[in-house]
Amino acid sequence: MNVIEDYGGHCACCGETRTEFLSVDHVDGGGGILRRAVLYPNAGSRVFYDRVIGDGFPDNIRVLCCNCNMSVGFSGYSPHDRERIIAH
């Protein structure tokens, strides 16, 4: 919760605030690969969150809800981003 709260406590894309739906995202992608292969082999999420806190809450991390996070991961964008582009 400390990590989610420090990054604003809501999805940076759609604004979702229910903590049950929130997750941590690497802004430039590759978080899963980084966690599994480089920084945190065989470690759980707790080690990742401890690292984020220890690194002083770096700028390349943000909070996304699970839907936005999955969309960005699988599609490379969130539907909310496209809606904002169309609206302008």
PDB file of N, CA and C in Angstrom:
ATOM      1  N   MET A   1       0.812  -1.192   0.000  1.00  0.00           N
ATOM      2  CA  MET A   1       0.000   0.000   0.000  1.00  0.00           C
ATOM      3  C   MET A   1       0.853   1.251   0.000  1.00  0.00           C
ATOM      4  N   ASN A   2       2.018   1.202   0.637  1.00  0.00           N
ATOM      5  CA  ASN A   2       2.895   2.381   0.646  1.00  0.00           C
ATOM      6  C   ASN A   2       3.291   2.777  -0.765  1.00  0.00           C
ATOM      7  N   VAL A   3       3.600   1.792  -1.586  1.00  0.00           N
ATOM      8  CA  VAL A   3       4.021   2.065  -2.958  1.00  0.00           C
ATOM      9  C   VAL A   3       2.854   2.657  -3.747  1.00  0.00           C
ATOM     10  N   ILE A   4       1.690   2.049  -3.657  1.00  0.00           N
ATOM     11  CA  ILE A   4       0.531   2.550  -4.393  1.00  0.00           C
ATOM     12  C   ILE A   4       0.169   3.959  -3.936  1.00  0.00           C
ATOM     13  N   GLU A   5       0.170   4.197  -2.638  1.00  0.00           N
ATOM     14  CA  GLU A   5      -0.148   5.527  -2.119  1.00  0.00           C
ATOM     15  C   GLU A   5       0.881   6.565  -2.560  1.00  0.00           C
ATOM     16  N   ASP A   6       2.162   6.202  -2.547  1.00  0.00           N
ATOM     17  CA  ASP A   6       3.194   7.170  -2.938  1.00  0.00           C
ATOM     18  C   ASP A   6       3.076   7.578  -4.400  1.00  0.00           C
ATOM     19  N   TYR A   7       2.565   6.677  -5.229  1.00  0.00           N
ATOM     20  CA  TYR A   7       2.384   6.992  -6.646  1.00  0.00           C
ATOM     21  C   TYR A   7       0.987   7.537  -6.937  1.00  0.00           C
ATOM     22  N   GLY A   8       0.310   8.050  -5.925  1.00  0.00           N
ATOM     23  CA  GLY A   8      -0.946   8.756  -6.125  1.00  0.00           C
ATOM     24  C   GLY A   8      -2.201   8.023  -5.708  1.00  0.00           C
ATOM     25  N   GLY A   9      -2.135   6.721  -5.504  1.00  0.00           N
ATOM     26  CA  GLY A   9      -3.273   5.962  -5.027  1.00  0.00           C
ATOM     27  C   GLY A   9      -4.393   5.756  -6.030  1.00  0.00           C
ATOM     28  N   HIS A  10      -4.093   5.993  -7.301  1.00  0.00           N
ATOM     29  CA  HIS A  10      -5.107   5.794  -8.343  1.00  0.00           C
ATOM     30  C   HIS A  10      -4.425   5.434  -9.657  1.00  0.00           C
ATOM     31  N   CYS A  11      -5.195   4.864 -10.567  1.00  0.00           N
ATOM     32  CA  CYS A  11      -4.675   4.507 -11.887  1.00  0.00           C
ATOM     33  C   CYS A  11      -4.288   5.784 -12.630  1.00  0.00           C
ATOM     34  N   ALA A  12      -3.071   5.833 -13.103  1.00  0.00           N
ATOM     35  CA  ALA A  12      -2.582   7.007 -13.833  1.00  0.00           C
ATOM     36  C   ALA A  12      -3.272   7.177 -15.178  1.00  0.00           C
ATOM     37  N   CYS A  13      -3.990   6.175 -15.622  1.00  0.00           N
ATOM     38  CA  CYS A  13      -4.658   6.227 -16.918  1.00  0.00           C
ATOM     39  C   CYS A  13      -6.138   6.572 -16.788  1.00  0.00           C
ATOM     40  N   CYS A  14      -6.874   5.773 -16.010  1.00  0.00           N
ATOM     41  CA  CYS A  14      -8.336   5.953 -15.942  1.00  0.00           C
ATOM     42  C   CYS A  14      -8.823   6.541 -14.631  1.00  0.00           C
ATOM     43  N   GLY A  15      -7.960   6.614 -13.624  1.00  0.00           N
ATOM     44  CA  GLY A  15      -8.339   7.203 -12.348  1.00  0.00           C
ATOM     45  C   GLY A  15      -8.935   6.243 -11.334  1.00  0.00           C
ATOM     46  N   GLU A  16      -9.014   4.945 -11.651  1.00  0.00           N
ATOM     47  CA  GLU A  16      -9.552   3.947 -10.721  1.00  0.00           C
ATOM     48  C   GLU A  16      -8.857   4.068  -9.370  1.00  0.00           C
ATOM     49  N   THR A  17      -9.635   4.043  -8.266  1.00  0.00           N
ATOM     50  CA  THR A  17      -9.057   4.196  -6.931  1.00  0.00           C
ATOM     51  C   THR A  17      -9.223   2.971  -6.040  1.00  0.00           C
ATOM     52  N   ARG A  18     -10.002   1.989  -6.453  1.00  0.00           N
ATOM     53  CA  ARG A  18     -10.191   0.801  -5.615  1.00  0.00           C
ATOM     54  C   ARG A  18      -8.902  -0.010  -5.602  1.00  0.00           C
ATOM     55  N   THR A  19      -8.312  -0.113  -4.415  1.00  0.00           N
ATOM     56  CA  THR A  19      -6.994  -0.740  -4.298  1.00  0.00           C
ATOM     57  C   THR A  19      -6.975  -2.177  -4.784  1.00  0.00           C
ATOM     58  N   GLU A  20      -8.118  -2.851  -4.716  1.00  0.00           N
ATOM     59  CA  GLU A  20      -8.172  -4.239  -5.182  1.00  0.00           C
ATOM     60  C   GLU A  20      -7.855  -4.343  -6.667  1.00  0.00           C
ATOM     61  N   PHE A  21      -8.036  -3.258  -7.411  1.00  0.00           N
ATOM     62  CA  PHE A  21      -7.813  -3.254  -8.852  1.00  0.00           C
ATOM     63  C   PHE A  21      -6.472  -2.659  -9.260  1.00  0.00           C
ATOM     64  N   LEU A  22      -5.721  -2.106  -8.324  1.00  0.00           N
ATOM     65  CA  LEU A  22      -4.508  -1.368  -8.681  1.00  0.00           C
ATOM     66  C   LEU A  22      -3.272  -2.256  -8.691  1.00  0.00           C
ATOM     67  N   SER A  23      -2.355  -1.918  -9.583  1.00  0.00           N
ATOM     68  CA  SER A  23      -1.092  -2.635  -9.715  1.00  0.00           C
ATOM     69  C   SER A  23       0.012  -1.637 -10.056  1.00  0.00           C
ATOM     70  N   VAL A  24       1.228  -2.102  -9.970  1.00  0.00           N
ATOM     71  CA  VAL A  24       2.381  -1.260 -10.278  1.00  0.00           C
ATOM     72  C   VAL A  24       2.867  -1.592 -11.676  1.00  0.00           C
ATOM     73  N   ASP A  25       3.195  -0.560 -12.439  1.00  0.00           N
ATOM     74  CA  ASP A  25       3.585  -0.713 -13.841  1.00  0.00           C
ATOM     75  C   ASP A  25       4.914  -0.017 -14.077  1.00  0.00           C
ATOM     76  N   HIS A  26       5.739  -0.621 -14.913  1.00  0.00           N
ATOM     77  CA  HIS A  26       6.951   0.041 -15.388  1.00  0.00           C
ATOM     78  C   HIS A  26       6.560   0.896 -16.587  1.00  0.00           C
ATOM     79  N   VAL A  27       6.812   2.183 -16.520  1.00  0.00           N
ATOM     80  CA  VAL A  27       6.375   3.138 -17.543  1.00  0.00           C
ATOM     81  C   VAL A  27       6.853   2.736 -18.932  1.00  0.00           C
ATOM     82  N   ASP A  28       8.079   2.290 -19.051  1.00  0.00           N
ATOM     83  CA  ASP A  28       8.649   1.942 -20.355  1.00  0.00           C
ATOM     84  C   ASP A  28       8.487   0.469 -20.694  1.00  0.00           C
ATOM     85  N   GLY A  29       7.680  -0.255 -19.931  1.00  0.00           N
ATOM     86  CA  GLY A  29       7.457  -1.672 -20.187  1.00  0.00           C
ATOM     87  C   GLY A  29       8.596  -2.538 -19.691  1.00  0.00           C
ATOM     88  N   GLY A  30       8.444  -3.824 -19.873  1.00  0.00           N
ATOM     89  CA  GLY A  30       9.492  -4.772 -19.520  1.00  0.00           C
ATOM     90  C   GLY A  30       9.578  -5.123 -18.060  1.00  0.00           C
ATOM     91  N   GLY A  31       8.588  -4.745 -17.260  1.00  0.00           N
ATOM     92  CA  GLY A  31       8.649  -5.013 -15.828  1.00  0.00           C
ATOM     93  C   GLY A  31       8.695  -6.482 -15.486  1.00  0.00           C
ATOM     94  N   GLY A  32       7.900  -7.278 -16.161  1.00  0.00           N
ATOM     95  CA  GLY A  32       7.886  -8.706 -15.879  1.00  0.00           C
ATOM     96  C   GLY A  32       9.214  -9.356 -16.178  1.00  0.00           C
ATOM     97  N   ILE A  33       9.781  -9.000 -17.293  1.00  0.00           N
ATOM     98  CA  ILE A  33      11.098  -9.543 -17.664  1.00  0.00           C
ATOM     99  C   ILE A  33      12.151  -9.089 -16.672  1.00  0.00           C
ATOM    100  N   LEU A  34      12.105  -7.821 -16.319  1.00  0.00           N
ATOM    101  CA  LEU A  34      13.072  -7.278 -15.369  1.00  0.00           C
ATOM    102  C   LEU A  34      12.967  -7.986 -14.029  1.00  0.00           C
ATOM    103  N   ARG A  35      11.759  -8.160 -13.530  1.00  0.00           N
ATOM    104  CA  ARG A  35      11.569  -8.825 -12.236  1.00  0.00           C
ATOM    105  C   ARG A  35      12.033 -10.272 -12.278  1.00  0.00           C
ATOM    106  N   ARG A  36      11.667 -10.985 -13.317  1.00  0.00           N
ATOM    107  CA  ARG A  36      11.974 -12.418 -13.367  1.00  0.00           C
ATOM    108  C   ARG A  36      13.425 -12.713 -13.705  1.00  0.00           C
ATOM    109  N   ALA A  37      13.998 -11.980 -14.615  1.00  0.00           N
ATOM    110  CA  ALA A  37      15.298 -12.386 -15.156  1.00  0.00           C
ATOM    111  C   ALA A  37      16.482 -11.605 -14.606  1.00  0.00           C
ATOM    112  N   VAL A  38      16.294 -10.363 -14.254  1.00  0.00           N
ATOM    113  CA  VAL A  38      17.447  -9.533 -13.926  1.00  0.00           C
ATOM    114  C   VAL A  38      17.532  -9.211 -12.444  1.00  0.00           C
ATOM    115  N   LEU A  39      16.540  -8.529 -11.931  1.00  0.00           N
ATOM    116  CA  LEU A  39      16.640  -8.018 -10.572  1.00  0.00           C
ATOM    117  C   LEU A  39      16.121  -8.967  -9.504  1.00  0.00           C
ATOM    118  N   TYR A  40      15.077  -9.708  -9.814  1.00  0.00           N
ATOM    119  CA  TYR A  40      14.399 -10.454  -8.765  1.00  0.00           C
ATOM    120  C   TYR A  40      14.147 -11.910  -9.136  1.00  0.00           C
ATOM    121  N   PRO A  41      15.136 -12.646  -9.600  1.00  0.00           N
ATOM    122  CA  PRO A  41      14.871 -14.040  -9.965  1.00  0.00           C
ATOM    123  C   PRO A  41      14.369 -14.822  -8.745  1.00  0.00           C
ATOM    124  N   ASN A  42      13.309 -15.582  -8.954  1.00  0.00           N
ATOM    125  CA  ASN A  42      12.715 -16.423  -7.908  1.00  0.00           C
ATOM    126  C   ASN A  42      12.211 -15.626  -6.709  1.00  0.00           C
ATOM    127  N   ALA A  43      11.946 -14.350  -6.884  1.00  0.00           N
ATOM    128  CA  ALA A  43      11.448 -13.530  -5.784  1.00  0.00           C
ATOM    129  C   ALA A  43      10.014 -13.109  -6.065  1.00  0.00           C
ATOM    130  N   GLY A  44       9.280 -12.887  -5.027  1.00  0.00           N
ATOM    131  CA  GLY A  44       7.891 -12.462  -5.164  1.00  0.00           C
ATOM    132  C   GLY A  44       7.764 -10.953  -5.247  1.00  0.00           C
ATOM    133  N   SER A  45       6.527 -10.516  -5.274  1.00  0.00           N
ATOM    134  CA  SER A  45       6.231  -9.094  -5.390  1.00  0.00           C
ATOM    135  C   SER A  45       6.792  -8.288  -4.226  1.00  0.00           C
ATOM    136  N   ARG A  46       6.830  -8.876  -3.045  1.00  0.00           N
ATOM    137  CA  ARG A  46       7.329  -8.147  -1.873  1.00  0.00           C
ATOM    138  C   ARG A  46       8.747  -7.635  -2.109  1.00  0.00           C
ATOM    139  N   VAL A  47       9.591  -8.451  -2.702  1.00  0.00           N
ATOM    140  CA  VAL A  47      10.966  -8.030  -2.989  1.00  0.00           C
ATOM    141  C   VAL A  47      10.956  -6.867  -3.974  1.00  0.00           C
ATOM    142  N   PHE A  48      10.086  -6.931  -4.966  1.00  0.00           N
ATOM    143  CA  PHE A  48       9.963  -5.841  -5.942  1.00  0.00           C
ATOM    144  C   PHE A  48       9.549  -4.547  -5.253  1.00  0.00           C
ATOM    145  N   TYR A  49       8.518  -4.611  -4.414  1.00  0.00           N
ATOM    146  CA  TYR A  49       8.058  -3.400  -3.723  1.00  0.00           C
ATOM    147  C   TYR A  49       9.131  -2.853  -2.790  1.00  0.00           C
ATOM    148  N   ASP A  50       9.843  -3.738  -2.087  1.00  0.00           N
ATOM    149  CA  ASP A  50      10.941  -3.285  -1.229  1.00  0.00           C
ATOM    150  C   ASP A  50      12.006  -2.570  -2.052  1.00  0.00           C
ATOM    151  N   ARG A  51      12.261  -3.068  -3.245  1.00  0.00           N
ATOM    152  CA  ARG A  51      13.251  -2.434  -4.124  1.00  0.00           C
ATOM    153  C   ARG A  51      12.785  -1.053  -4.567  1.00  0.00           C
ATOM    154  N   VAL A  52      11.501  -0.924  -4.916  1.00  0.00           N
ATOM    155  CA  VAL A  52      10.945   0.378  -5.309  1.00  0.00           C
ATOM    156  C   VAL A  52      11.106   1.373  -4.165  1.00  0.00           C
ATOM    157  N   ILE A  53      10.774   0.953  -2.955  1.00  0.00           N
ATOM    158  CA  ILE A  53      10.916   1.834  -1.790  1.00  0.00           C
ATOM    159  C   ILE A  53      12.383   2.173  -1.570  1.00  0.00           C
ATOM    160  N   GLY A  54      13.251   1.161  -1.619  1.00  0.00           N
ATOM    161  CA  GLY A  54      14.686   1.374  -1.419  1.00  0.00           C
ATOM    162  C   GLY A  54      15.311   2.284  -2.459  1.00  0.00           C
ATOM    163  N   ASP A  55      14.754   2.265  -3.676  1.00  0.00           N
ATOM    164  CA  ASP A  55      15.265   3.122  -4.751  1.00  0.00           C
ATOM    165  C   ASP A  55      14.661   4.523  -4.708  1.00  0.00           C
ATOM    166  N   GLY A  56      13.847   4.797  -3.681  1.00  0.00           N
ATOM    167  CA  GLY A  56      13.291   6.132  -3.531  1.00  0.00           C
ATOM    168  C   GLY A  56      12.125   6.437  -4.460  1.00  0.00           C
ATOM    169  N   PHE A  57      11.337   5.420  -4.803  1.00  0.00           N
ATOM    170  CA  PHE A  57      10.159   5.591  -5.658  1.00  0.00           C
ATOM    171  C   PHE A  57      10.536   6.223  -7.004  1.00  0.00           C
ATOM    172  N   PRO A  58      11.248   5.483  -7.848  1.00  0.00           N
ATOM    173  CA  PRO A  58      11.739   6.025  -9.121  1.00  0.00           C
ATOM    174  C   PRO A  58      10.621   6.465 -10.068  1.00  0.00           C
ATOM    175  N   ASP A  59      10.959   7.378 -10.963  1.00  0.00           N
ATOM    176  CA  ASP A  59       9.998   7.951 -11.910  1.00  0.00           C
ATOM    177  C   ASP A  59       9.530   6.982 -12.979  1.00  0.00           C
ATOM    178  N   ASN A  60      10.213   5.855 -13.157  1.00  0.00           N
ATOM    179  CA  ASN A  60       9.809   4.914 -14.209  1.00  0.00           C
ATOM    180  C   ASN A  60       8.765   3.905 -13.732  1.00  0.00           C
ATOM    181  N   ILE A  61       8.168   4.167 -12.588  1.00  0.00           N
ATOM    182  CA  ILE A  61       7.114   3.331 -12.024  1.00  0.00           C
ATOM    183  C   ILE A  61       5.854   4.178 -11.905  1.00  0.00           C
ATOM    184  N   ARG A  62       4.691   3.556 -12.134  1.00  0.00           N
ATOM    185  CA  ARG A  62       3.413   4.238 -11.945  1.00  0.00           C
ATOM    186  C   ARG A  62       2.380   3.210 -11.509  1.00  0.00           C
ATOM    187  N   VAL A  63       1.245   3.688 -11.086  1.00  0.00           N
ATOM    188  CA  VAL A  63       0.139   2.817 -10.718  1.00  0.00           C
ATOM    189  C   VAL A  63      -0.844   2.780 -11.879  1.00  0.00           C
ATOM    190  N   LEU A  64      -1.238   1.579 -12.276  1.00  0.00           N
ATOM    191  CA  LEU A  64      -2.306   1.381 -13.249  1.00  0.00           C
ATOM    192  C   LEU A  64      -3.284   0.368 -12.667  1.00  0.00           C
ATOM    193  N   CYS A  65      -4.547   0.469 -13.069  1.00  0.00           N
ATOM    194  CA  CYS A  65      -5.479  -0.589 -12.688  1.00  0.00           C
ATOM    195  C   CYS A  65      -5.135  -1.811 -13.541  1.00  0.00           C
ATOM    196  N   CYS A  66      -5.646  -2.947 -13.130  1.00  0.00           N
ATOM    197  CA  CYS A  66      -5.327  -4.185 -13.853  1.00  0.00           C
ATOM    198  C   CYS A  66      -5.762  -4.129 -15.311  1.00  0.00           C
ATOM    199  N   ASN A  67      -6.922  -3.514 -15.597  1.00  0.00           N
ATOM    200  CA  ASN A  67      -7.376  -3.435 -16.991  1.00  0.00           C
ATOM    201  C   ASN A  67      -6.432  -2.583 -17.837  1.00  0.00           C
ATOM    202  N   CYS A  68      -6.092  -1.410 -17.351  1.00  0.00           N
ATOM    203  CA  CYS A  68      -5.189  -0.549 -18.123  1.00  0.00           C
ATOM    204  C   CYS A  68      -3.809  -1.193 -18.254  1.00  0.00           C
ATOM    205  N   ASN A  69      -3.329  -1.814 -17.189  1.00  0.00           N
ATOM    206  CA  ASN A  69      -2.018  -2.458 -17.213  1.00  0.00           C
ATOM    207  C   ASN A  69      -1.990  -3.590 -18.238  1.00  0.00           C
ATOM    208  N   MET A  70      -3.018  -4.413 -18.258  1.00  0.00           N
ATOM    209  CA  MET A  70      -3.073  -5.519 -19.217  1.00  0.00           C
ATOM    210  C   MET A  70      -3.185  -4.998 -20.648  1.00  0.00           C
ATOM    211  N   SER A  71      -3.987  -3.965 -20.851  1.00  0.00           N
ATOM    212  CA  SER A  71      -4.134  -3.402 -22.188  1.00  0.00           C
ATOM    213  C   SER A  71      -2.807  -2.853 -22.697  1.00  0.00           C
ATOM    214  N   VAL A  72      -2.108  -2.129 -21.858  1.00  0.00           N
ATOM    215  CA  VAL A  72      -0.800  -1.588 -22.253  1.00  0.00           C
ATOM    216  C   VAL A  72       0.169  -2.726 -22.537  1.00  0.00           C
ATOM    217  N   GLY A  73       0.152  -3.754 -21.688  1.00  0.00           N
ATOM    218  CA  GLY A  73       1.061  -4.878 -21.880  1.00  0.00           C
ATOM    219  C   GLY A  73       0.794  -5.671 -23.141  1.00  0.00           C
ATOM    220  N   PHE A  74      -0.477  -5.913 -23.438  1.00  0.00           N
ATOM    221  CA  PHE A  74      -0.819  -6.731 -24.603  1.00  0.00           C
ATOM    222  C   PHE A  74      -0.952  -5.931 -25.889  1.00  0.00           C
ATOM    223  N   SER A  75      -1.464  -4.707 -25.794  1.00  0.00           N
ATOM    224  CA  SER A  75      -1.752  -3.912 -26.997  1.00  0.00           C
ATOM    225  C   SER A  75      -0.788  -2.756 -27.227  1.00  0.00           C
ATOM    226  N   GLY A  76      -0.041  -2.399 -26.198  1.00  0.00           N
ATOM    227  CA  GLY A  76       0.871  -1.272 -26.328  1.00  0.00           C
ATOM    228  C   GLY A  76       0.212   0.072 -26.065  1.00  0.00           C
ATOM    229  N   TYR A  77      -1.059   0.065 -25.706  1.00  0.00           N
ATOM    230  CA  TYR A  77      -1.783   1.304 -25.397  1.00  0.00           C
ATOM    231  C   TYR A  77      -2.988   0.961 -24.536  1.00  0.00           C
ATOM    232  N   SER A  78      -3.552   1.978 -23.940  1.00  0.00           N
ATOM    233  CA  SER A  78      -4.801   1.816 -23.208  1.00  0.00           C
ATOM    234  C   SER A  78      -5.919   2.449 -24.015  1.00  0.00           C
ATOM    235  N   PRO A  79      -7.104   1.862 -24.023  1.00  0.00           N
ATOM    236  CA  PRO A  79      -8.225   2.481 -24.729  1.00  0.00           C
ATOM    237  C   PRO A  79      -8.494   3.906 -24.244  1.00  0.00           C
ATOM    238  N   HIS A  80      -8.205   4.178 -22.980  1.00  0.00           N
ATOM    239  CA  HIS A  80      -8.408   5.531 -22.456  1.00  0.00           C
ATOM    240  C   HIS A  80      -7.506   6.533 -23.166  1.00  0.00           C
ATOM    241  N   ASP A  81      -6.281   6.128 -23.478  1.00  0.00           N
ATOM    242  CA  ASP A  81      -5.372   7.017 -24.215  1.00  0.00           C
ATOM    243  C   ASP A  81      -5.943   7.347 -25.584  1.00  0.00           C
ATOM    244  N   ARG A  82      -6.463   6.344 -26.260  1.00  0.00           N
ATOM    245  CA  ARG A  82      -7.065   6.579 -27.587  1.00  0.00           C
ATOM    246  C   ARG A  82      -8.285   7.486 -27.486  1.00  0.00           C
ATOM    247  N   GLU A  83      -9.102   7.299 -26.464  1.00  0.00           N
ATOM    248  CA  GLU A  83     -10.274   8.156 -26.278  1.00  0.00           C
ATOM    249  C   GLU A  83      -9.873   9.602 -26.067  1.00  0.00           C
ATOM    250  N   ARG A  84      -8.804   9.830 -25.310  1.00  0.00           N
ATOM    251  CA  ARG A  84      -8.338  11.215 -25.079  1.00  0.00           C
ATOM    252  C   ARG A  84      -7.818  11.825 -26.371  1.00  0.00           C
ATOM    253  N   ILE A  85      -7.145  11.055 -27.190  1.00  0.00           N
ATOM    254  CA  ILE A  85      -6.629  11.572 -28.471  1.00  0.00           C
ATOM    255  C   ILE A  85      -7.795  11.947 -29.389  1.00  0.00           C
ATOM    256  N   ILE A  86      -8.789  11.080 -29.464  1.00  0.00           N
ATOM    257  CA  ILE A  86      -9.953  11.339 -30.331  1.00  0.00           C
ATOM    258  C   ILE A  86     -10.724  12.569 -29.842  1.00  0.00           C
ATOM    259  N   ALA A  87     -10.827  12.740 -28.528  1.00  0.00           N
ATOM    260  CA  ALA A  87     -11.583  13.853 -27.963  1.00  0.00           C
ATOM    261  C   ALA A  87     -10.941  15.210 -28.239  1.00  0.00           C
ATOM    262  N   HIS A  88      -9.637  15.203 -28.487  1.00  0.00           N
ATOM    263  CA  HIS A  88      -8.949  16.475 -28.732  1.00  0.00           C
ATOM    264  C   HIS A  88      -8.856  16.667 -30.187  1.00  0.00           C
TER     265      HIS A  88
END
